[in-house]
Amino acid sequence: MKKIVVIGLGSIGKRHINNLRKILPTAQIWGVSSSGSLPDGRVANADRLSVCLQEAIEFKPDFAVVASPATYHFPHAKMLLAANIPVLIEKPITADIHETEELIALVQQANLPVSVAYCLRYLPAARMVKTVLEQKKLGTIYNVYAHVGQYLPQWRNDKHYRSSVSASKKLGGGALLELSHELDYLHWFLGELNYQYGMLRNTQELDLEVEEIADIVLTANSGALCSVHMDFLQKNAQRHCHFVGEKGSLYWDVLKNNILLFQDNREEIIFNEPSWDKNNMYLLMLQDFIERIEKGDGKNDLRSAQRTIELIDEIKSKATWGTRQ
């Protein structure tokens, strides 16, 4: 019987608990609150709840999922690695470049399976985009436009947005960290990315202490110019990526779950599964991590997760800041 610990009982922590129950119906699952207090009532599919990670470590789990706020990722993962427990860490890997460096050093010493939960990589559409690029169907890529925006007050139904991790600087909130999937998948698609320019804005519309909008220009080593937009303000949620190349262009709509290919004066829908359950990407990610543990695969490639934090750190230190007057 598998024993699993999930740290963090917010929406993503509860999703992981529910999905682990689907994958491993007989597992013993502990939920650990990272806030220091337990939620009112029970947490579905959790066999036991605790506010003490050390108590959960003494339970000797087969692996753990760190789904606490980003600023807690490092101390929680550090404790688990010290106890020889494989760890799946929610994105981002940490909220700080120095903690990321230290954590990666600990992972190398531990020789345990450790992954970062950038789940968009498990979308079949994302894998098709990667295949199209790898097969050079667009030729040389000139420009990439990645766009994500969703109105923060509509993200979660169980709490006010101002009390969420996304709104808290102390807990690792802000558009850059919360919407860092775009930086991750661009690195996955295009390889190393280099910062060129950025603007961060707080419009004061939501009364937050973090950036609500981020606009970033990056270059890939191939020469492709990448424009990235992230925001907490769009009432009509958007998530898409557009590639412009020598032989045509490709448009991936993440929310509609389709891909359009434009070549030779015609448009072709090469992927279209609007009814595909997005929870499947979380299930696939968990299954992949469990398989790594079962194989004893301690070869971890955390460079992309590290590079994402390095980019975010560089953006925050170099970008122009703007506010609405």
C-alpha atoms as a PDB file:
ATOM      1  CA  MET A   1       0.000   0.000   0.000  1.00  0.00           C
ATOM      2  CA  LYS A   2       1.384   3.400  -1.009  1.00  0.00           C
ATOM      3  CA  LYS A   3       1.732   6.140   1.575  1.00  0.00           C
ATOM      4  CA  ILE A   4       1.640   9.705   0.284  1.00  0.00           C
ATOM      5  CA  VAL A   5       1.855  13.159   1.831  1.00  0.00           C
ATOM      6  CA  VAL A   6       0.427  16.284   0.185  1.00  0.00           C
ATOM      7  CA  ILE A   7       1.574  19.578   1.721  1.00  0.00           C
ATOM      8  CA  GLY A   8      -0.853  22.430   1.124  1.00  0.00           C
ATOM      9  CA  LEU A   9      -4.646  22.171   1.319  1.00  0.00           C
ATOM     10  CA  GLY A  10      -5.583  24.911  -1.123  1.00  0.00           C
ATOM     11  CA  SER A  11      -7.304  24.227  -4.434  1.00  0.00           C
ATOM     12  CA  ILE A  12      -4.262  22.653  -6.107  1.00  0.00           C
ATOM     13  CA  GLY A  13      -3.420  20.535  -3.047  1.00  0.00           C
ATOM     14  CA  LYS A  14      -6.987  19.211  -2.934  1.00  0.00           C
ATOM     15  CA  ARG A  15      -6.847  18.482  -6.666  1.00  0.00           C
ATOM     16  CA  HIS A  16      -3.687  16.419  -6.154  1.00  0.00           C
ATOM     17  CA  ILE A  17      -5.295  14.501  -3.274  1.00  0.00           C
ATOM     18  CA  ASN A  18      -8.367  13.684  -5.386  1.00  0.00           C
ATOM     19  CA  ASN A  19      -6.231  12.643  -8.345  1.00  0.00           C
ATOM     20  CA  LEU A  20      -3.943  10.485  -6.227  1.00  0.00           C
ATOM     21  CA  ARG A  21      -7.023   8.678  -4.933  1.00  0.00           C
ATOM     22  CA  LYS A  22      -8.079   7.983  -8.543  1.00  0.00           C
ATOM     23  CA  ILE A  23      -4.648   6.637  -9.476  1.00  0.00           C
ATOM     24  CA  LEU A  24      -3.972   4.783  -6.211  1.00  0.00           C
ATOM     25  CA  PRO A  25      -7.379   3.879  -4.698  1.00  0.00           C
ATOM     26  CA  THR A  26      -5.928   2.022  -1.696  1.00  0.00           C
ATOM     27  CA  ALA A  27      -3.187   4.522  -0.833  1.00  0.00           C
ATOM     28  CA  GLN A  28      -2.964   6.173   2.569  1.00  0.00           C
ATOM     29  CA  ILE A  29      -2.971   9.906   1.913  1.00  0.00           C
ATOM     30  CA  TRP A  30      -2.017  12.525   4.479  1.00  0.00           C
ATOM     31  CA  GLY A  31      -2.884  16.164   3.912  1.00  0.00           C
ATOM     32  CA  VAL A  32      -0.657  18.679   5.674  1.00  0.00           C
ATOM     33  CA  SER A  33      -1.812  22.265   6.099  1.00  0.00           C
ATOM     34  CA  SER A  34       0.905  24.803   5.342  1.00  0.00           C
ATOM     35  CA  SER A  35      -1.008  27.642   7.007  1.00  0.00           C
ATOM     36  CA  GLY A  36      -0.779  26.215  10.521  1.00  0.00           C
ATOM     37  CA  SER A  37      -4.515  25.608  10.817  1.00  0.00           C
ATOM     38  CA  LEU A  38      -6.790  22.853   9.556  1.00  0.00           C
ATOM     39  CA  PRO A  39      -9.783  23.595   7.323  1.00  0.00           C
ATOM     40  CA  ASP A  40     -13.286  23.340   8.713  1.00  0.00           C
ATOM     41  CA  GLY A  41     -14.659  19.896   8.002  1.00  0.00           C
ATOM     42  CA  ARG A  42     -12.930  17.022   6.262  1.00  0.00           C
ATOM     43  CA  VAL A  43     -10.882  17.124   3.076  1.00  0.00           C
ATOM     44  CA  ALA A  44     -12.258  14.666   0.540  1.00  0.00           C
ATOM     45  CA  ASN A  45     -10.032  11.625  -0.078  1.00  0.00           C
ATOM     46  CA  ALA A  46      -7.518  12.513   2.644  1.00  0.00           C
ATOM     47  CA  ASP A  47      -7.188   9.777   5.280  1.00  0.00           C
ATOM     48  CA  ARG A  48      -5.596  12.075   7.805  1.00  0.00           C
ATOM     49  CA  LEU A  49      -4.887  15.780   8.241  1.00  0.00           C
ATOM     50  CA  SER A  50      -2.068  17.463  10.105  1.00  0.00           C
ATOM     51  CA  VAL A  51      -0.454  20.851  10.597  1.00  0.00           C
ATOM     52  CA  CYS A  52       2.969  19.301  11.239  1.00  0.00           C
ATOM     53  CA  LEU A  53       5.178  18.225   8.338  1.00  0.00           C
ATOM     54  CA  GLN A  54       7.584  16.424  10.662  1.00  0.00           C
ATOM     55  CA  GLU A  55       4.710  14.268  11.917  1.00  0.00           C
ATOM     56  CA  ALA A  56       3.855  13.398   8.318  1.00  0.00           C
ATOM     57  CA  ILE A  57       7.505  12.570   7.563  1.00  0.00           C
ATOM     58  CA  GLU A  58       7.484  10.096  10.460  1.00  0.00           C
ATOM     59  CA  PHE A  59       4.600   8.414   8.613  1.00  0.00           C
ATOM     60  CA  LYS A  60       7.389   7.386   6.143  1.00  0.00           C
ATOM     61  CA  PRO A  61       5.599   8.197   2.892  1.00  0.00           C
ATOM     62  CA  ASP A  62       6.687   6.739  -0.441  1.00  0.00           C
ATOM     63  CA  PHE A  63       6.621  10.238  -1.899  1.00  0.00           C
ATOM     64  CA  ALA A  64       5.284  13.720  -1.261  1.00  0.00           C
ATOM     65  CA  VAL A  65       3.658  16.510  -3.237  1.00  0.00           C
ATOM     66  CA  VAL A  66       4.589  20.047  -2.205  1.00  0.00           C
ATOM     67  CA  ALA A  67       1.586  22.245  -3.043  1.00  0.00           C
ATOM     68  CA  SER A  68       2.192  24.932  -0.438  1.00  0.00           C
ATOM     69  CA  PRO A  69       2.713  28.625  -1.337  1.00  0.00           C
ATOM     70  CA  ALA A  70       5.850  29.211  -3.431  1.00  0.00           C
ATOM     71  CA  THR A  71       7.810  30.785  -0.577  1.00  0.00           C
ATOM     72  CA  TYR A  72       7.410  27.536   1.401  1.00  0.00           C
ATOM     73  CA  HIS A  73       8.547  25.210  -1.382  1.00  0.00           C
ATOM     74  CA  PHE A  74      12.207  25.281  -0.391  1.00  0.00           C
ATOM     75  CA  PRO A  75      11.888  24.572   3.356  1.00  0.00           C
ATOM     76  CA  HIS A  76       9.271  21.874   2.764  1.00  0.00           C
ATOM     77  CA  ALA A  77      11.244  20.152  -0.011  1.00  0.00           C
ATOM     78  CA  LYS A  78      14.441  20.411   2.043  1.00  0.00           C
ATOM     79  CA  MET A  79      12.840  18.555   4.971  1.00  0.00           C
ATOM     80  CA  LEU A  80      11.485  15.848   2.684  1.00  0.00           C
ATOM     81  CA  LEU A  81      14.772  15.297   0.858  1.00  0.00           C
ATOM     82  CA  ALA A  82      16.609  15.073   4.185  1.00  0.00           C
ATOM     83  CA  ALA A  83      14.222  12.223   5.055  1.00  0.00           C
ATOM     84  CA  ASN A  84      14.963  10.473   1.731  1.00  0.00           C
ATOM     85  CA  ILE A  85      11.481  11.121   0.305  1.00  0.00           C
ATOM     86  CA  PRO A  86      10.937  11.753  -3.455  1.00  0.00           C
ATOM     87  CA  VAL A  87       9.182  15.059  -4.113  1.00  0.00           C
ATOM     88  CA  LEU A  88       6.885  16.519  -6.749  1.00  0.00           C
ATOM     89  CA  ILE A  89       6.987  20.304  -6.301  1.00  0.00           C
ATOM     90  CA  GLU A  90       4.223  22.554  -7.581  1.00  0.00           C
ATOM     91  CA  LYS A  91       5.405  25.335  -9.861  1.00  0.00           C
ATOM     92  CA  PRO A  92       7.465  27.429  -9.466  1.00  0.00           C
ATOM     93  CA  ILE A  93      10.315  25.352  -8.020  1.00  0.00           C
ATOM     94  CA  THR A  94      10.867  28.084  -5.382  1.00  0.00           C
ATOM     95  CA  ALA A  95      10.165  31.806  -5.206  1.00  0.00           C
ATOM     96  CA  ASP A  96      13.840  32.779  -4.943  1.00  0.00           C
ATOM     97  CA  ILE A  97      16.880  32.196  -7.156  1.00  0.00           C
ATOM     98  CA  HIS A  98      19.224  31.449  -4.245  1.00  0.00           C
ATOM     99  CA  GLU A  99      16.813  28.910  -2.746  1.00  0.00           C
ATOM    100  CA  THR A 100      16.510  27.288  -6.162  1.00  0.00           C
ATOM    101  CA  GLU A 101      20.286  26.895  -6.412  1.00  0.00           C
ATOM    102  CA  GLU A 102      20.488  25.408  -2.925  1.00  0.00           C
ATOM    103  CA  LEU A 103      17.563  23.072  -3.567  1.00  0.00           C
ATOM    104  CA  ILE A 104      19.086  21.758  -6.791  1.00  0.00           C
ATOM    105  CA  ALA A 105      22.331  21.045  -4.935  1.00  0.00           C
ATOM    106  CA  LEU A 106      20.352  19.079  -2.332  1.00  0.00           C
ATOM    107  CA  VAL A 107      18.524  17.166  -5.077  1.00  0.00           C
ATOM    108  CA  GLN A 108      21.827  16.192  -6.681  1.00  0.00           C
ATOM    109  CA  GLN A 109      23.122  14.907  -3.348  1.00  0.00           C
ATOM    110  CA  ALA A 110      19.932  12.996  -2.558  1.00  0.00           C
ATOM    111  CA  ASN A 111      19.745  11.168  -5.907  1.00  0.00           C
ATOM    112  CA  LEU A 112      15.961  10.878  -5.558  1.00  0.00           C
ATOM    113  CA  PRO A 113      13.213  11.499  -8.128  1.00  0.00           C
ATOM    114  CA  VAL A 114      12.250  15.184  -7.966  1.00  0.00           C
ATOM    115  CA  SER A 115      10.026  16.975 -10.480  1.00  0.00           C
ATOM    116  CA  VAL A 116       8.387  20.379 -10.843  1.00  0.00           C
ATOM    117  CA  ALA A 117       4.691  20.394 -11.735  1.00  0.00           C
ATOM    118  CA  TYR A 118       4.570  22.387 -14.960  1.00  0.00           C
ATOM    119  CA  CYS A 119       1.491  20.478 -16.047  1.00  0.00           C
ATOM    120  CA  LEU A 120       0.875  22.190 -19.407  1.00  0.00           C
ATOM    121  CA  ARG A 121       3.652  19.994 -20.808  1.00  0.00           C
ATOM    122  CA  TYR A 122       1.271  17.049 -20.382  1.00  0.00           C
ATOM    123  CA  LEU A 123      -1.374  18.490 -22.689  1.00  0.00           C
ATOM    124  CA  PRO A 124      -1.532  16.487 -25.936  1.00  0.00           C
ATOM    125  CA  ALA A 125      -1.797  19.802 -27.789  1.00  0.00           C
ATOM    126  CA  ALA A 126       1.419  21.060 -26.196  1.00  0.00           C
ATOM    127  CA  ARG A 127       3.204  17.905 -27.272  1.00  0.00           C
ATOM    128  CA  MET A 128       1.926  18.353 -30.815  1.00  0.00           C
ATOM    129  CA  VAL A 129       3.239  21.929 -30.883  1.00  0.00           C
ATOM    130  CA  LYS A 130       6.623  20.634 -29.772  1.00  0.00           C
ATOM    131  CA  THR A 131       6.586  17.979 -32.502  1.00  0.00           C
ATOM    132  CA  VAL A 132       5.725  20.546 -35.203  1.00  0.00           C
ATOM    133  CA  LEU A 133       8.627  22.733 -34.073  1.00  0.00           C
ATOM    134  CA  GLU A 134      11.071  19.834 -33.805  1.00  0.00           C
ATOM    135  CA  GLN A 135      10.156  18.663 -37.311  1.00  0.00           C
ATOM    136  CA  LYS A 136      10.874  22.191 -38.619  1.00  0.00           C
ATOM    137  CA  LYS A 137       7.468  22.387 -40.312  1.00  0.00           C
ATOM    138  CA  LEU A 138       7.507  26.164 -39.818  1.00  0.00           C
ATOM    139  CA  GLY A 139      11.137  26.513 -40.855  1.00  0.00           C
ATOM    140  CA  THR A 140      13.066  29.191 -38.989  1.00  0.00           C
ATOM    141  CA  ILE A 141      10.965  30.708 -36.201  1.00  0.00           C
ATOM    142  CA  TYR A 142      10.972  34.498 -36.356  1.00  0.00           C
ATOM    143  CA  ASN A 143       8.484  35.557 -33.687  1.00  0.00           C
ATOM    144  CA  VAL A 144       6.517  33.977 -30.851  1.00  0.00           C
ATOM    145  CA  TYR A 145       3.613  35.627 -29.026  1.00  0.00           C
ATOM    146  CA  ALA A 146       2.557  34.000 -25.741  1.00  0.00           C
ATOM    147  CA  HIS A 147      -0.487  35.452 -24.012  1.00  0.00           C
ATOM    148  CA  VAL A 148      -2.255  34.549 -20.773  1.00  0.00           C
ATOM    149  CA  GLY A 149      -4.821  36.567 -18.869  1.00  0.00           C
ATOM    150  CA  GLN A 150      -7.624  35.818 -16.434  1.00  0.00           C
ATOM    151  CA  TYR A 151      -9.506  37.994 -13.958  1.00  0.00           C
ATOM    152  CA  LEU A 152      -8.086  37.105 -10.548  1.00  0.00           C
ATOM    153  CA  PRO A 153     -11.398  37.481  -8.627  1.00  0.00           C
ATOM    154  CA  GLN A 154     -12.784  34.657 -10.807  1.00  0.00           C
ATOM    155  CA  TRP A 155      -9.922  32.199 -10.196  1.00  0.00           C
ATOM    156  CA  ARG A 156     -11.160  30.586  -6.990  1.00  0.00           C
ATOM    157  CA  ASN A 157     -14.676  30.179  -5.653  1.00  0.00           C
ATOM    158  CA  ASP A 158     -13.704  29.216  -2.104  1.00  0.00           C
ATOM    159  CA  LYS A 159     -11.958  32.422  -0.981  1.00  0.00           C
ATOM    160  CA  HIS A 160     -11.711  36.149  -1.634  1.00  0.00           C
ATOM    161  CA  TYR A 161      -8.993  36.894  -4.163  1.00  0.00           C
ATOM    162  CA  ARG A 162      -7.142  39.297  -1.845  1.00  0.00           C
ATOM    163  CA  SER A 163      -6.577  36.477   0.662  1.00  0.00           C
ATOM    164  CA  SER A 164      -5.195  34.148  -2.023  1.00  0.00           C
ATOM    165  CA  VAL A 165      -1.563  33.224  -2.631  1.00  0.00           C
ATOM    166  CA  SER A 166      -1.761  34.960  -6.026  1.00  0.00           C
ATOM    167  CA  ALA A 167      -2.319  38.336  -4.361  1.00  0.00           C
ATOM    168  CA  SER A 168       0.358  38.000  -1.677  1.00  0.00           C
ATOM    169  CA  LYS A 169       3.946  39.146  -2.182  1.00  0.00           C
ATOM    170  CA  LYS A 170       4.972  37.285   0.986  1.00  0.00           C
ATOM    171  CA  LEU A 171       3.606  33.982  -0.352  1.00  0.00           C
ATOM    172  CA  GLY A 172       5.062  34.294  -3.858  1.00  0.00           C
ATOM    173  CA  GLY A 173       2.139  35.859  -5.704  1.00  0.00           C
ATOM    174  CA  GLY A 174       2.063  38.146  -8.718  1.00  0.00           C
ATOM    175  CA  ALA A 175       1.582  37.465 -12.414  1.00  0.00           C
ATOM    176  CA  LEU A 176       5.190  36.402 -13.057  1.00  0.00           C
ATOM    177  CA  LEU A 177       5.291  33.548 -10.557  1.00  0.00           C
ATOM    178  CA  GLU A 178       1.637  32.531 -10.743  1.00  0.00           C
ATOM    179  CA  LEU A 179       1.553  32.436 -14.553  1.00  0.00           C
ATOM    180  CA  SER A 180       5.082  31.135 -15.105  1.00  0.00           C
ATOM    181  CA  HIS A 181       3.808  28.240 -17.261  1.00  0.00           C
ATOM    182  CA  GLU A 182       4.392  30.470 -20.304  1.00  0.00           C
ATOM    183  CA  LEU A 183       8.089  30.893 -19.497  1.00  0.00           C
ATOM    184  CA  ASP A 184       8.404  27.165 -18.888  1.00  0.00           C
ATOM    185  CA  TYR A 185       6.788  26.002 -22.103  1.00  0.00           C
ATOM    186  CA  LEU A 186       8.696  28.545 -24.200  1.00  0.00           C
ATOM    187  CA  HIS A 187      11.939  27.174 -22.758  1.00  0.00           C
ATOM    188  CA  TRP A 188      10.691  23.644 -23.497  1.00  0.00           C
ATOM    189  CA  PHE A 189       9.777  24.557 -27.080  1.00  0.00           C
ATOM    190  CA  LEU A 190      12.660  26.863 -27.998  1.00  0.00           C
ATOM    191  CA  GLY A 191      15.567  26.159 -25.664  1.00  0.00           C
ATOM    192  CA  GLU A 192      17.512  28.796 -23.737  1.00  0.00           C
ATOM    193  CA  LEU A 193      15.794  32.182 -23.433  1.00  0.00           C
ATOM    194  CA  ASN A 194      17.452  35.540 -22.839  1.00  0.00           C
ATOM    195  CA  TYR A 195      15.850  38.606 -21.274  1.00  0.00           C
ATOM    196  CA  GLN A 196      15.721  41.767 -23.380  1.00  0.00           C
ATOM    197  CA  TYR A 197      13.024  44.042 -21.972  1.00  0.00           C
ATOM    198  CA  GLY A 198      10.156  44.031 -19.527  1.00  0.00           C
ATOM    199  CA  MET A 199       7.423  46.179 -18.045  1.00  0.00           C
ATOM    200  CA  LEU A 200       5.532  45.282 -14.871  1.00  0.00           C
ATOM    201  CA  ARG A 201       2.383  47.139 -13.921  1.00  0.00           C
ATOM    202  CA  ASN A 202      -0.003  47.480 -11.038  1.00  0.00           C
ATOM    203  CA  THR A 203      -3.158  49.271 -12.156  1.00  0.00           C
ATOM    204  CA  GLN A 204      -4.512  49.437  -8.577  1.00  0.00           C
ATOM    205  CA  GLU A 205      -7.791  48.026  -9.914  1.00  0.00           C
ATOM    206  CA  LEU A 206      -7.534  44.967  -7.656  1.00  0.00           C
ATOM    207  CA  ASP A 207      -5.723  46.663  -4.766  1.00  0.00           C
ATOM    208  CA  LEU A 208      -2.830  44.179  -4.844  1.00  0.00           C
ATOM    209  CA  GLU A 209       0.740  44.456  -3.581  1.00  0.00           C
ATOM    210  CA  VAL A 210       2.105  42.508  -6.564  1.00  0.00           C
ATOM    211  CA  GLU A 211       2.270  43.029 -10.338  1.00  0.00           C
ATOM    212  CA  GLU A 212      -1.063  42.489 -12.092  1.00  0.00           C
ATOM    213  CA  ILE A 213       0.434  42.757 -15.585  1.00  0.00           C
ATOM    214  CA  ALA A 214       3.755  41.638 -17.035  1.00  0.00           C
ATOM    215  CA  ASP A 215       4.947  42.292 -20.586  1.00  0.00           C
ATOM    216  CA  ILE A 216       8.274  40.730 -21.472  1.00  0.00           C
ATOM    217  CA  VAL A 217      10.500  40.479 -24.537  1.00  0.00           C
ATOM    218  CA  LEU A 218      12.853  37.488 -24.716  1.00  0.00           C
ATOM    219  CA  THR A 219      15.112  36.057 -27.400  1.00  0.00           C
ATOM    220  CA  ALA A 220      15.901  32.407 -28.036  1.00  0.00           C
ATOM    221  CA  ASN A 221      19.408  31.339 -29.012  1.00  0.00           C
ATOM    222  CA  SER A 222      17.939  30.474 -32.411  1.00  0.00           C
ATOM    223  CA  GLY A 223      17.169  34.165 -32.939  1.00  0.00           C
ATOM    224  CA  ALA A 224      13.405  33.944 -32.369  1.00  0.00           C
ATOM    225  CA  LEU A 225      11.912  36.992 -30.665  1.00  0.00           C
ATOM    226  CA  CYS A 226       9.370  36.095 -27.956  1.00  0.00           C
ATOM    227  CA  SER A 227       6.765  38.532 -26.663  1.00  0.00           C
ATOM    228  CA  VAL A 228       5.056  37.363 -23.467  1.00  0.00           C
ATOM    229  CA  HIS A 229       1.985  38.938 -21.871  1.00  0.00           C
ATOM    230  CA  MET A 230       0.564  37.899 -18.484  1.00  0.00           C
ATOM    231  CA  ASP A 231      -2.227  39.538 -16.516  1.00  0.00           C
ATOM    232  CA  PHE A 232      -4.730  39.130 -13.684  1.00  0.00           C
ATOM    233  CA  LEU A 233      -7.277  41.496 -15.251  1.00  0.00           C
ATOM    234  CA  GLN A 234      -8.963  40.012 -18.336  1.00  0.00           C
ATOM    235  CA  LYS A 235     -12.634  39.298 -17.727  1.00  0.00           C
ATOM    236  CA  ASN A 236     -12.641  36.985 -20.755  1.00  0.00           C
ATOM    237  CA  ALA A 237      -9.932  34.427 -19.965  1.00  0.00           C
ATOM    238  CA  GLN A 238      -7.293  33.982 -22.670  1.00  0.00           C
ATOM    239  CA  ARG A 239      -4.351  31.594 -23.038  1.00  0.00           C
ATOM    240  CA  HIS A 240      -2.711  31.113 -26.418  1.00  0.00           C
ATOM    241  CA  CYS A 241       0.598  31.066 -28.251  1.00  0.00           C
ATOM    242  CA  HIS A 242       1.321  32.115 -31.849  1.00  0.00           C
ATOM    243  CA  PHE A 243       4.459  31.079 -33.754  1.00  0.00           C
ATOM    244  CA  VAL A 244       5.480  32.930 -36.922  1.00  0.00           C
ATOM    245  CA  GLY A 245       8.003  31.129 -39.088  1.00  0.00           C
ATOM    246  CA  GLU A 246       9.689  31.017 -42.458  1.00  0.00           C
ATOM    247  CA  LYS A 247       7.227  28.452 -43.882  1.00  0.00           C
ATOM    248  CA  GLY A 248       4.042  29.469 -42.101  1.00  0.00           C
ATOM    249  CA  SER A 249       2.548  30.077 -38.689  1.00  0.00           C
ATOM    250  CA  LEU A 250       0.915  28.086 -35.918  1.00  0.00           C
ATOM    251  CA  TYR A 251      -1.706  29.218 -33.400  1.00  0.00           C
ATOM    252  CA  TRP A 252      -2.274  27.191 -30.224  1.00  0.00           C
ATOM    253  CA  ASP A 253      -5.338  28.097 -28.165  1.00  0.00           C
ATOM    254  CA  VAL A 254      -4.766  26.455 -24.794  1.00  0.00           C
ATOM    255  CA  LEU A 255      -8.279  27.054 -23.457  1.00  0.00           C
ATOM    256  CA  LYS A 256     -10.122  25.942 -26.608  1.00  0.00           C
ATOM    257  CA  ASN A 257      -7.607  23.085 -26.908  1.00  0.00           C
ATOM    258  CA  ASN A 258      -6.993  23.465 -30.613  1.00  0.00           C
ATOM    259  CA  ILE A 259      -4.100  24.186 -32.970  1.00  0.00           C
ATOM    260  CA  LEU A 260      -4.314  25.981 -36.312  1.00  0.00           C
ATOM    261  CA  LEU A 261      -1.571  25.684 -38.929  1.00  0.00           C
ATOM    262  CA  PHE A 262      -1.331  28.357 -41.644  1.00  0.00           C
ATOM    263  CA  GLN A 263       0.727  27.341 -44.688  1.00  0.00           C
ATOM    264  CA  ASP A 264       0.571  27.753 -48.469  1.00  0.00           C
ATOM    265  CA  ASN A 265      -2.344  30.193 -48.288  1.00  0.00           C
ATOM    266  CA  ARG A 266      -4.562  27.778 -46.398  1.00  0.00           C
ATOM    267  CA  GLU A 267      -5.590  27.141 -42.810  1.00  0.00           C
ATOM    268  CA  GLU A 268      -5.656  23.644 -41.332  1.00  0.00           C
ATOM    269  CA  ILE A 269      -6.937  22.546 -37.933  1.00  0.00           C
ATOM    270  CA  ILE A 270      -4.319  19.993 -36.901  1.00  0.00           C
ATOM    271  CA  PHE A 271      -5.628  19.440 -33.368  1.00  0.00           C
ATOM    272  CA  ASN A 272      -9.078  20.017 -31.915  1.00  0.00           C
ATOM    273  CA  GLU A 273     -10.312  18.409 -28.703  1.00  0.00           C
ATOM    274  CA  PRO A 274     -12.443  21.052 -26.935  1.00  0.00           C
ATOM    275  CA  SER A 275     -14.105  18.481 -24.654  1.00  0.00           C
ATOM    276  CA  TRP A 276     -10.827  16.963 -23.403  1.00  0.00           C
ATOM    277  CA  ASP A 277     -10.830  17.060 -19.594  1.00  0.00           C
ATOM    278  CA  LYS A 278      -7.953  19.311 -18.494  1.00  0.00           C
ATOM    279  CA  ASN A 279      -7.713  17.362 -15.236  1.00  0.00           C
ATOM    280  CA  ASN A 280      -6.156  14.594 -17.323  1.00  0.00           C
ATOM    281  CA  MET A 281      -2.932  16.578 -17.597  1.00  0.00           C
ATOM    282  CA  TYR A 282      -2.614  16.498 -13.794  1.00  0.00           C
ATOM    283  CA  LEU A 283      -3.298  12.766 -13.788  1.00  0.00           C
ATOM    284  CA  LEU A 284      -0.683  12.171 -16.506  1.00  0.00           C
ATOM    285  CA  MET A 285       1.850  14.246 -14.586  1.00  0.00           C
ATOM    286  CA  LEU A 286       1.278  12.276 -11.368  1.00  0.00           C
ATOM    287  CA  GLN A 287       1.430   8.959 -13.217  1.00  0.00           C
ATOM    288  CA  ASP A 288       4.706   9.983 -14.840  1.00  0.00           C
ATOM    289  CA  PHE A 289       6.194  10.891 -11.460  1.00  0.00           C
ATOM    290  CA  ILE A 290       4.998   7.649  -9.839  1.00  0.00           C
ATOM    291  CA  GLU A 291       6.585   5.669 -12.690  1.00  0.00           C
ATOM    292  CA  ARG A 292       9.878   7.470 -12.080  1.00  0.00           C
ATOM    293  CA  ILE A 293       9.767   6.457  -8.423  1.00  0.00           C
ATOM    294  CA  GLU A 294       8.958   2.842  -9.261  1.00  0.00           C
ATOM    295  CA  LYS A 295      11.903   2.743 -11.687  1.00  0.00           C
ATOM    296  CA  GLY A 296      14.214   4.360  -9.127  1.00  0.00           C
ATOM    297  CA  ASP A 297      14.916   7.159 -11.602  1.00  0.00           C
ATOM    298  CA  GLY A 298      17.031   9.710  -9.737  1.00  0.00           C
ATOM    299  CA  LYS A 299      18.223  11.492 -12.899  1.00  0.00           C
ATOM    300  CA  ASN A 300      16.587  14.869 -12.500  1.00  0.00           C
ATOM    301  CA  ASP A 301      16.579  17.637 -15.099  1.00  0.00           C
ATOM    302  CA  LEU A 302      15.550  20.744 -13.197  1.00  0.00           C
ATOM    303  CA  ARG A 303      17.383  23.188 -15.469  1.00  0.00           C
ATOM    304  CA  SER A 304      14.209  24.494 -17.097  1.00  0.00           C
ATOM    305  CA  ALA A 305      12.547  25.120 -13.712  1.00  0.00           C
ATOM    306  CA  GLN A 306      15.734  26.814 -12.506  1.00  0.00           C
ATOM    307  CA  ARG A 307      15.953  28.948 -15.646  1.00  0.00           C
ATOM    308  CA  THR A 308      12.353  30.084 -15.184  1.00  0.00           C
ATOM    309  CA  ILE A 309      13.201  31.432 -11.719  1.00  0.00           C
ATOM    310  CA  GLU A 310      16.398  33.018 -13.046  1.00  0.00           C
ATOM    311  CA  LEU A 311      14.378  34.796 -15.735  1.00  0.00           C
ATOM    312  CA  ILE A 312      11.759  35.958 -13.241  1.00  0.00           C
ATOM    313  CA  ASP A 313      14.496  37.269 -10.944  1.00  0.00           C
ATOM    314  CA  GLU A 314      16.105  39.130 -13.857  1.00  0.00           C
ATOM    315  CA  ILE A 315      12.763  40.532 -15.001  1.00  0.00           C
ATOM    316  CA  LYS A 316      11.935  41.801 -11.513  1.00  0.00           C
ATOM    317  CA  SER A 317      15.338  43.451 -11.145  1.00  0.00           C
ATOM    318  CA  LYS A 318      15.515  45.042 -14.624  1.00  0.00           C
ATOM    319  CA  ALA A 319      11.945  45.667 -15.785  1.00  0.00           C
ATOM    320  CA  THR A 320      10.344  49.079 -15.837  1.00  0.00           C
ATOM    321  CA  TRP A 321       7.595  49.467 -13.248  1.00  0.00           C
ATOM    322  CA  GLY A 322       4.405  51.320 -14.056  1.00  0.00           C
ATOM    323  CA  THR A 323       1.243  52.227 -12.155  1.00  0.00           C
ATOM    324  CA  ARG A 324      -1.946  53.945 -13.237  1.00  0.00           C
ATOM    325  CA  GLN A 325      -1.873  57.589 -12.295  1.00  0.00           C
END
